[in-house]
C-alpha atoms as a PDB file:
ATOM      1  CA  UNK A   1      91.896 186.598 115.022  1.00  0.00           C
ATOM      2  CA  UNK A   2      94.011 185.607 112.525  1.00  0.00           C
ATOM      3  CA  UNK A   3      97.395 187.684 113.580  1.00  0.00           C
ATOM      4  CA  UNK A   4      96.620 186.710 116.810  1.00  0.00           C
ATOM      5  CA  UNK A   5      96.716 182.560 116.459  1.00  0.00           C
ATOM      6  CA  UNK A   6      99.979 183.377 113.657  1.00  0.00           C
ATOM      7  CA  UNK A   7     101.144 185.392 116.745  1.00  0.00           C
ATOM      8  CA  UNK A   8     100.996 182.723 119.244  1.00  0.00           C
ATOM      9  CA  UNK A   9     101.923 180.018 116.867  1.00  0.00           C
ATOM     10  CA  UNK A  10     105.453 181.536 116.110  1.00  0.00           C
ATOM     11  CA  UNK A  11     105.850 182.550 120.066  1.00  0.00           C
ATOM     12  CA  UNK A  12     105.319 177.762 120.478  1.00  0.00           C
ATOM     13  CA  UNK A  13     107.358 176.820 117.387  1.00  0.00           C
ATOM     14  CA  UNK A  14     109.908 179.728 118.389  1.00  0.00           C
ATOM     15  CA  UNK A  15     109.930 177.971 122.078  1.00  0.00           C
ATOM     16  CA  UNK A  16     110.262 174.518 120.984  1.00  0.00           C
ATOM     17  CA  UNK A  17     113.381 175.204 118.342  1.00  0.00           C
ATOM     18  CA  UNK A  18     114.512 176.640 121.170  1.00  0.00           C
ATOM     19  CA  UNK A  19     113.960 173.531 123.514  1.00  0.00           C
ATOM     20  CA  UNK A  20     115.433 172.128 120.895  1.00  0.00           C
ATOM     21  CA  UNK A  21     118.726 172.926 120.019  1.00  0.00           C
ATOM     22  CA  UNK A  22     119.416 173.698 123.280  1.00  0.00           C
ATOM     23  CA  UNK A  23     120.101 169.582 123.836  1.00  0.00           C
ATOM     24  CA  UNK A  24     121.596 170.035 120.676  1.00  0.00           C
ATOM     25  CA  UNK A  25     124.065 172.320 121.213  1.00  0.00           C
ATOM     26  CA  UNK A  26     125.307 170.526 124.284  1.00  0.00           C
ATOM     27  CA  UNK A  27     124.963 166.437 124.077  1.00  0.00           C
ATOM     28  CA  UNK A  28     127.716 165.733 125.649  1.00  0.00           C
ATOM     29  CA  UNK A  29     128.081 162.119 127.311  1.00  0.00           C
ATOM     30  CA  UNK A  30     127.193 161.964 130.989  1.00  0.00           C
ATOM     31  CA  UNK A  31     131.023 162.106 133.489  1.00  0.00           C
ATOM     32  CA  UNK A  32     130.642 158.102 135.273  1.00  0.00           C
ATOM     33  CA  UNK A  33     131.107 158.411 138.908  1.00  0.00           C
ATOM     34  CA  UNK A  34     131.817 156.156 141.452  1.00  0.00           C
ATOM     35  CA  UNK A  35     128.668 153.962 142.770  1.00  0.00           C
ATOM     36  CA  UNK A  36     130.218 154.620 146.415  1.00  0.00           C
ATOM     37  CA  UNK A  37     130.326 152.318 149.251  1.00  0.00           C
ATOM     38  CA  UNK A  38     127.060 152.203 150.128  1.00  0.00           C
ATOM     39  CA  UNK A  39     125.167 150.624 146.945  1.00  0.00           C
ATOM     40  CA  UNK A  40     123.225 147.951 146.943  1.00  0.00           C
ATOM     41  CA  UNK A  41     121.201 146.246 143.522  1.00  0.00           C
ATOM     42  CA  UNK A  42     117.980 148.348 143.449  1.00  0.00           C
ATOM     43  CA  UNK A  43     115.398 145.727 143.179  1.00  0.00           C
ATOM     44  CA  UNK A  44     111.777 147.601 144.109  1.00  0.00           C
ATOM     45  CA  UNK A  45     110.362 150.585 141.858  1.00  0.00           C
ATOM     46  CA  UNK A  46     108.519 153.083 142.604  1.00  0.00           C
ATOM     47  CA  UNK A  47     108.386 157.065 141.595  1.00  0.00           C
ATOM     48  CA  UNK A  48     107.241 157.951 144.772  1.00  0.00           C
ATOM     49  CA  UNK A  49     110.111 157.818 147.724  1.00  0.00           C
ATOM     50  CA  UNK A  50     109.644 160.912 150.347  1.00  0.00           C
ATOM     51  CA  UNK A  51     108.606 164.375 150.448  1.00  0.00           C
ATOM     52  CA  UNK A  52     109.952 167.760 149.646  1.00  0.00           C
ATOM     53  CA  UNK A  53     112.333 167.335 146.693  1.00  0.00           C
ATOM     54  CA  UNK A  54     111.167 166.542 143.079  1.00  0.00           C
ATOM     55  CA  UNK A  55     113.493 165.334 140.882  1.00  0.00           C
ATOM     56  CA  UNK A  56     113.472 165.032 137.170  1.00  0.00           C
ATOM     57  CA  UNK A  57     115.611 165.412 134.172  1.00  0.00           C
ATOM     58  CA  UNK A  58     115.644 163.941 130.567  1.00  0.00           C
ATOM     59  CA  UNK A  59     117.777 160.526 129.208  1.00  0.00           C
ATOM     60  CA  UNK A  60     119.300 161.360 126.049  1.00  0.00           C
ATOM     61  CA  UNK A  61     120.810 160.443 122.939  1.00  0.00           C
ATOM     62  CA  UNK A  62     124.968 161.761 122.762  1.00  0.00           C
ATOM     63  CA  UNK A  63     124.835 159.889 119.128  1.00  0.00           C
ATOM     64  CA  UNK A  64     122.021 162.684 118.159  1.00  0.00           C
ATOM     65  CA  UNK A  65     120.140 164.231 121.011  1.00  0.00           C
ATOM     66  CA  UNK A  66     117.113 162.368 120.905  1.00  0.00           C
ATOM     67  CA  UNK A  67     115.494 161.364 123.985  1.00  0.00           C
ATOM     68  CA  UNK A  68     116.156 157.102 125.037  1.00  0.00           C
ATOM     69  CA  UNK A  69     112.686 155.900 126.151  1.00  0.00           C
ATOM     70  CA  UNK A  70     112.273 153.054 128.514  1.00  0.00           C
ATOM     71  CA  UNK A  71     115.866 153.394 130.180  1.00  0.00           C
ATOM     72  CA  UNK A  72     116.187 151.690 133.502  1.00  0.00           C
ATOM     73  CA  UNK A  73     116.905 154.581 136.226  1.00  0.00           C
ATOM     74  CA  UNK A  74     118.533 153.492 139.222  1.00  0.00           C
ATOM     75  CA  UNK A  75     119.213 156.125 142.007  1.00  0.00           C
ATOM     76  CA  UNK A  76     119.321 155.683 145.780  1.00  0.00           C
ATOM     77  CA  UNK A  77     121.340 158.418 148.604  1.00  0.00           C
ATOM     78  CA  UNK A  78     121.044 159.257 152.141  1.00  0.00           C
ATOM     79  CA  UNK A  79     117.871 160.623 153.701  1.00  0.00           C
ATOM     80  CA  UNK A  80     117.599 164.147 155.280  1.00  0.00           C
ATOM     81  CA  UNK A  81     119.289 162.725 158.468  1.00  0.00           C
ATOM     82  CA  UNK A  82     122.402 161.582 156.165  1.00  0.00           C
ATOM     83  CA  UNK A  83     121.791 158.034 155.891  1.00  0.00           C
ATOM     84  CA  UNK A  84     121.784 156.239 153.056  1.00  0.00           C
ATOM     85  CA  UNK A  85     118.745 154.358 154.292  1.00  0.00           C
ATOM     86  CA  UNK A  86     116.938 151.315 151.780  1.00  0.00           C
ATOM     87  CA  UNK A  87     113.174 152.880 151.685  1.00  0.00           C
ATOM     88  CA  UNK A  88     115.483 155.889 150.031  1.00  0.00           C
ATOM     89  CA  UNK A  89     116.465 152.981 146.386  1.00  0.00           C
ATOM     90  CA  UNK A  90     114.170 152.092 144.299  1.00  0.00           C
ATOM     91  CA  UNK A  91     113.966 152.685 139.906  1.00  0.00           C
ATOM     92  CA  UNK A  92     111.850 153.806 137.191  1.00  0.00           C
ATOM     93  CA  UNK A  93     111.754 154.309 133.771  1.00  0.00           C
ATOM     94  CA  UNK A  94     112.080 156.813 131.109  1.00  0.00           C
ATOM     95  CA  UNK A  95     108.850 157.412 129.576  1.00  0.00           C
ATOM     96  CA  UNK A  96     108.062 158.104 125.310  1.00  0.00           C
ATOM     97  CA  UNK A  97     109.685 161.524 125.645  1.00  0.00           C
ATOM     98  CA  UNK A  98     112.627 159.753 127.921  1.00  0.00           C
ATOM     99  CA  UNK A  99     111.533 162.025 130.456  1.00  0.00           C
ATOM    100  CA  UNK A 100     112.019 160.462 133.856  1.00  0.00           C
ATOM    101  CA  UNK A 101     110.636 162.569 137.479  1.00  0.00           C
ATOM    102  CA  UNK A 102     110.481 161.644 140.941  1.00  0.00           C
ATOM    103  CA  UNK A 103     109.767 162.427 144.661  1.00  0.00           C
ATOM    104  CA  UNK A 104     112.603 161.631 147.428  1.00  0.00           C
ATOM    105  CA  UNK A 105     113.470 164.301 150.208  1.00  0.00           C
ATOM    106  CA  UNK A 106     116.869 166.111 150.601  1.00  0.00           C
ATOM    107  CA  UNK A 107     119.890 164.355 150.768  1.00  0.00           C
ATOM    108  CA  UNK A 108     121.745 165.636 153.594  1.00  0.00           C
ATOM    109  CA  UNK A 109     124.963 164.023 152.942  1.00  0.00           C
ATOM    110  CA  UNK A 110     128.648 166.144 153.585  1.00  0.00           C
ATOM    111  CA  UNK A 111     127.928 166.932 150.303  1.00  0.00           C
ATOM    112  CA  UNK A 112     124.426 166.172 148.991  1.00  0.00           C
ATOM    113  CA  UNK A 113     124.205 164.362 146.037  1.00  0.00           C
ATOM    114  CA  UNK A 114     121.632 161.151 144.729  1.00  0.00           C
ATOM    115  CA  UNK A 115     123.803 157.555 142.846  1.00  0.00           C
ATOM    116  CA  UNK A 116     122.163 157.069 139.250  1.00  0.00           C
ATOM    117  CA  UNK A 117     122.855 153.992 137.184  1.00  0.00           C
ATOM    118  CA  UNK A 118     120.811 153.972 133.696  1.00  0.00           C
ATOM    119  CA  UNK A 119     120.536 151.364 131.102  1.00  0.00           C
ATOM    120  CA  UNK A 120     119.445 151.584 127.935  1.00  0.00           C
ATOM    121  CA  UNK A 121     119.117 148.606 125.461  1.00  0.00           C
ATOM    122  CA  UNK A 122     121.663 149.551 122.709  1.00  0.00           C
ATOM    123  CA  UNK A 123     123.476 151.974 125.220  1.00  0.00           C
ATOM    124  CA  UNK A 124     126.370 151.713 127.597  1.00  0.00           C
ATOM    125  CA  UNK A 125     125.355 151.293 130.825  1.00  0.00           C
ATOM    126  CA  UNK A 126     126.453 154.594 133.186  1.00  0.00           C
ATOM    127  CA  UNK A 127     127.189 154.854 137.508  1.00  0.00           C
ATOM    128  CA  UNK A 128     126.603 158.434 138.308  1.00  0.00           C
ATOM    129  CA  UNK A 129     125.888 161.621 140.728  1.00  0.00           C
ATOM    130  CA  UNK A 130     124.320 164.312 141.005  1.00  0.00           C
ATOM    131  CA  UNK A 131     125.820 166.663 142.931  1.00  0.00           C
ATOM    132  CA  UNK A 132     125.003 169.965 144.572  1.00  0.00           C
ATOM    133  CA  UNK A 133     125.032 172.381 147.275  1.00  0.00           C
ATOM    134  CA  UNK A 134     122.824 174.088 148.965  1.00  0.00           C
ATOM    135  CA  UNK A 135     118.760 172.857 148.958  1.00  0.00           C
ATOM    136  CA  UNK A 136     115.755 173.548 146.681  1.00  0.00           C
ATOM    137  CA  UNK A 137     112.823 171.422 146.173  1.00  0.00           C
ATOM    138  CA  UNK A 138     113.824 170.637 142.314  1.00  0.00           C
ATOM    139  CA  UNK A 139     116.512 169.402 140.701  1.00  0.00           C
ATOM    140  CA  UNK A 140     116.516 168.878 136.632  1.00  0.00           C
ATOM    141  CA  UNK A 141     119.461 166.476 136.293  1.00  0.00           C
ATOM    142  CA  UNK A 142     119.785 165.377 131.912  1.00  0.00           C
ATOM    143  CA  UNK A 143     122.194 162.008 131.214  1.00  0.00           C
ATOM    144  CA  UNK A 144     123.043 161.095 128.065  1.00  0.00           C
ATOM    145  CA  UNK A 145     124.083 157.818 127.434  1.00  0.00           C
ATOM    146  CA  UNK A 146     126.720 156.709 124.748  1.00  0.00           C
ATOM    147  CA  UNK A 147     125.448 154.241 121.889  1.00  0.00           C
ATOM    148  CA  UNK A 148     126.797 150.173 122.212  1.00  0.00           C
END
């Protein structure tokens, strides 16, 4: 029983180290991209604005790859009909581990994309976009901020 316990503990530790080193190896600040012509201030806090697509990721520091808690993540997009809609504009905050997650619908623009503006105390605010191609049910999009 002890050998099984030690094996399981070692496996978990290796998985944790692999995850941390994967993040640490590539902690380049996220590229800024245009807010686009459909930008409007995002004033509604909500994590469930549609069905069919889960968007999640981490907000991290470019300096040391540490998670950034309480970052404000505003997002907006076109809907399944290809049109921008106010119901698909919202914001949320990253958790203690820097994680965020929201539910929405597939952005059926000519080039599928979701706009983000992320701000956090002590970091430069960034406007960026997730850009995709084929329709999926889950998106992982980490955003890495530069310190001021």
